[in-house]
Amino acid sequence: MEERLIDLETRLAFQERTLLELEDVILRQQRELDRLARRLEAAEQRVEAVAQTREYDPAEEPPPPHY
């Protein structure tokens, strides 16, 4: 019985450590996602700003590669 209890306690300790490690990974990933979302938003704003200051002129477009 004592051996079984020790085995269960060992498994529980391992699972608790694993959960803490997984929580750290999730927090790091969330921070990275937040950082990337901010960079994407900034890039979208820059593209929009450039698009608003420049009129589209089809004559400026280079011909497709098959010509």
C-alpha atoms as a PDB file:
ATOM      1  CA  MET A   1       0.000   0.000   0.000  1.00  0.00           C
ATOM      2  CA  GLU A   2       2.808   2.433   0.874  1.00  0.00           C
ATOM      3  CA  GLU A   3       4.562   1.685  -2.408  1.00  0.00           C
ATOM      4  CA  ARG A   4       1.375   2.498  -4.293  1.00  0.00           C
ATOM      5  CA  LEU A   5       0.988   5.770  -2.398  1.00  0.00           C
ATOM      6  CA  ILE A   6       4.584   6.752  -3.189  1.00  0.00           C
ATOM      7  CA  ASP A   7       3.975   5.945  -6.863  1.00  0.00           C
ATOM      8  CA  LEU A   8       0.853   8.133  -6.911  1.00  0.00           C
ATOM      9  CA  GLU A   9       2.654  11.001  -5.181  1.00  0.00           C
ATOM     10  CA  THR A  10       5.506  10.743  -7.661  1.00  0.00           C
ATOM     11  CA  ARG A  11       3.102  10.845 -10.601  1.00  0.00           C
ATOM     12  CA  LEU A  12       1.260  13.814  -9.107  1.00  0.00           C
ATOM     13  CA  ALA A  13       4.516  15.728  -8.615  1.00  0.00           C
ATOM     14  CA  PHE A  14       5.527  15.006 -12.209  1.00  0.00           C
ATOM     15  CA  GLN A  15       2.141  16.156 -13.517  1.00  0.00           C
ATOM     16  CA  GLU A  16       2.253  19.349 -11.466  1.00  0.00           C
ATOM     17  CA  ARG A  17       5.709  20.165 -12.817  1.00  0.00           C
ATOM     18  CA  THR A  18       4.553  19.422 -16.359  1.00  0.00           C
ATOM     19  CA  LEU A  19       1.519  21.681 -15.947  1.00  0.00           C
ATOM     20  CA  LEU A  20       3.705  24.531 -14.732  1.00  0.00           C
ATOM     21  CA  GLU A  21       6.041  24.087 -17.691  1.00  0.00           C
ATOM     22  CA  LEU A  22       3.097  24.046 -20.100  1.00  0.00           C
ATOM     23  CA  GLU A  23       1.691  27.178 -18.499  1.00  0.00           C
ATOM     24  CA  ASP A  24       5.035  28.930 -19.071  1.00  0.00           C
ATOM     25  CA  VAL A  25       4.992  27.881 -22.725  1.00  0.00           C
ATOM     26  CA  ILE A  26       1.445  29.143 -23.180  1.00  0.00           C
ATOM     27  CA  LEU A  27       2.295  32.500 -21.579  1.00  0.00           C
ATOM     28  CA  ARG A  28       5.355  32.915 -23.839  1.00  0.00           C
ATOM     29  CA  GLN A  29       3.292  32.037 -26.908  1.00  0.00           C
ATOM     30  CA  GLN A  30       0.570  34.508 -25.933  1.00  0.00           C
ATOM     31  CA  ARG A  31       3.137  37.287 -25.502  1.00  0.00           C
ATOM     32  CA  GLU A  32       4.579  36.434 -28.925  1.00  0.00           C
ATOM     33  CA  LEU A  33       1.100  36.442 -30.498  1.00  0.00           C
ATOM     34  CA  ASP A  34       0.365  39.825 -28.929  1.00  0.00           C
ATOM     35  CA  ARG A  35       3.666  41.209 -30.223  1.00  0.00           C
ATOM     36  CA  LEU A  36       3.032  39.885 -33.726  1.00  0.00           C
ATOM     37  CA  ALA A  37      -0.522  41.239 -33.723  1.00  0.00           C
ATOM     38  CA  ARG A  38       0.806  44.714 -32.840  1.00  0.00           C
ATOM     39  CA  ARG A  39       3.400  44.518 -35.619  1.00  0.00           C
ATOM     40  CA  LEU A  40       0.785  43.381 -38.130  1.00  0.00           C
ATOM     41  CA  GLU A  41      -1.539  46.210 -37.133  1.00  0.00           C
ATOM     42  CA  ALA A  42       1.274  48.743 -37.532  1.00  0.00           C
ATOM     43  CA  ALA A  43       2.163  47.327 -40.953  1.00  0.00           C
ATOM     44  CA  GLU A  44      -1.473  47.466 -42.048  1.00  0.00           C
ATOM     45  CA  GLN A  45      -1.660  51.106 -40.948  1.00  0.00           C
ATOM     46  CA  ARG A  46       1.488  51.945 -42.920  1.00  0.00           C
ATOM     47  CA  VAL A  47       0.132  50.229 -46.032  1.00  0.00           C
ATOM     48  CA  GLU A  48      -3.173  52.062 -45.665  1.00  0.00           C
ATOM     49  CA  ALA A  49      -1.373  55.389 -45.245  1.00  0.00           C
ATOM     50  CA  VAL A  50       0.675  54.785 -48.390  1.00  0.00           C
ATOM     51  CA  ALA A  51      -2.412  53.681 -50.316  1.00  0.00           C
ATOM     52  CA  GLN A  52      -4.252  56.865 -49.350  1.00  0.00           C
ATOM     53  CA  THR A  53      -1.420  59.155 -50.437  1.00  0.00           C
ATOM     54  CA  ARG A  54      -0.901  57.486 -53.787  1.00  0.00           C
ATOM     55  CA  GLU A  55      -3.349  57.261 -56.640  1.00  0.00           C
ATOM     56  CA  TYR A  56      -3.422  54.000 -58.555  1.00  0.00           C
ATOM     57  CA  ASP A  57      -2.158  54.381 -62.103  1.00  0.00           C
ATOM     58  CA  PRO A  58      -2.390  51.218 -64.226  1.00  0.00           C
ATOM     59  CA  ALA A  59       0.207  52.655 -66.625  1.00  0.00           C
ATOM     60  CA  GLU A  60       2.801  52.409 -63.847  1.00  0.00           C
ATOM     61  CA  GLU A  61       2.274  48.655 -63.481  1.00  0.00           C
ATOM     62  CA  PRO A  62       4.939  46.560 -65.202  1.00  0.00           C
ATOM     63  CA  PRO A  63       3.671  44.087 -67.773  1.00  0.00           C
ATOM     64  CA  PRO A  64       3.106  40.529 -66.624  1.00  0.00           C
ATOM     65  CA  PRO A  65       6.147  38.216 -66.980  1.00  0.00           C
ATOM     66  CA  HIS A  66       4.659  36.327 -69.924  1.00  0.00           C
ATOM     67  CA  TYR A  67       4.881  39.361 -72.238  1.00  0.00           C
END
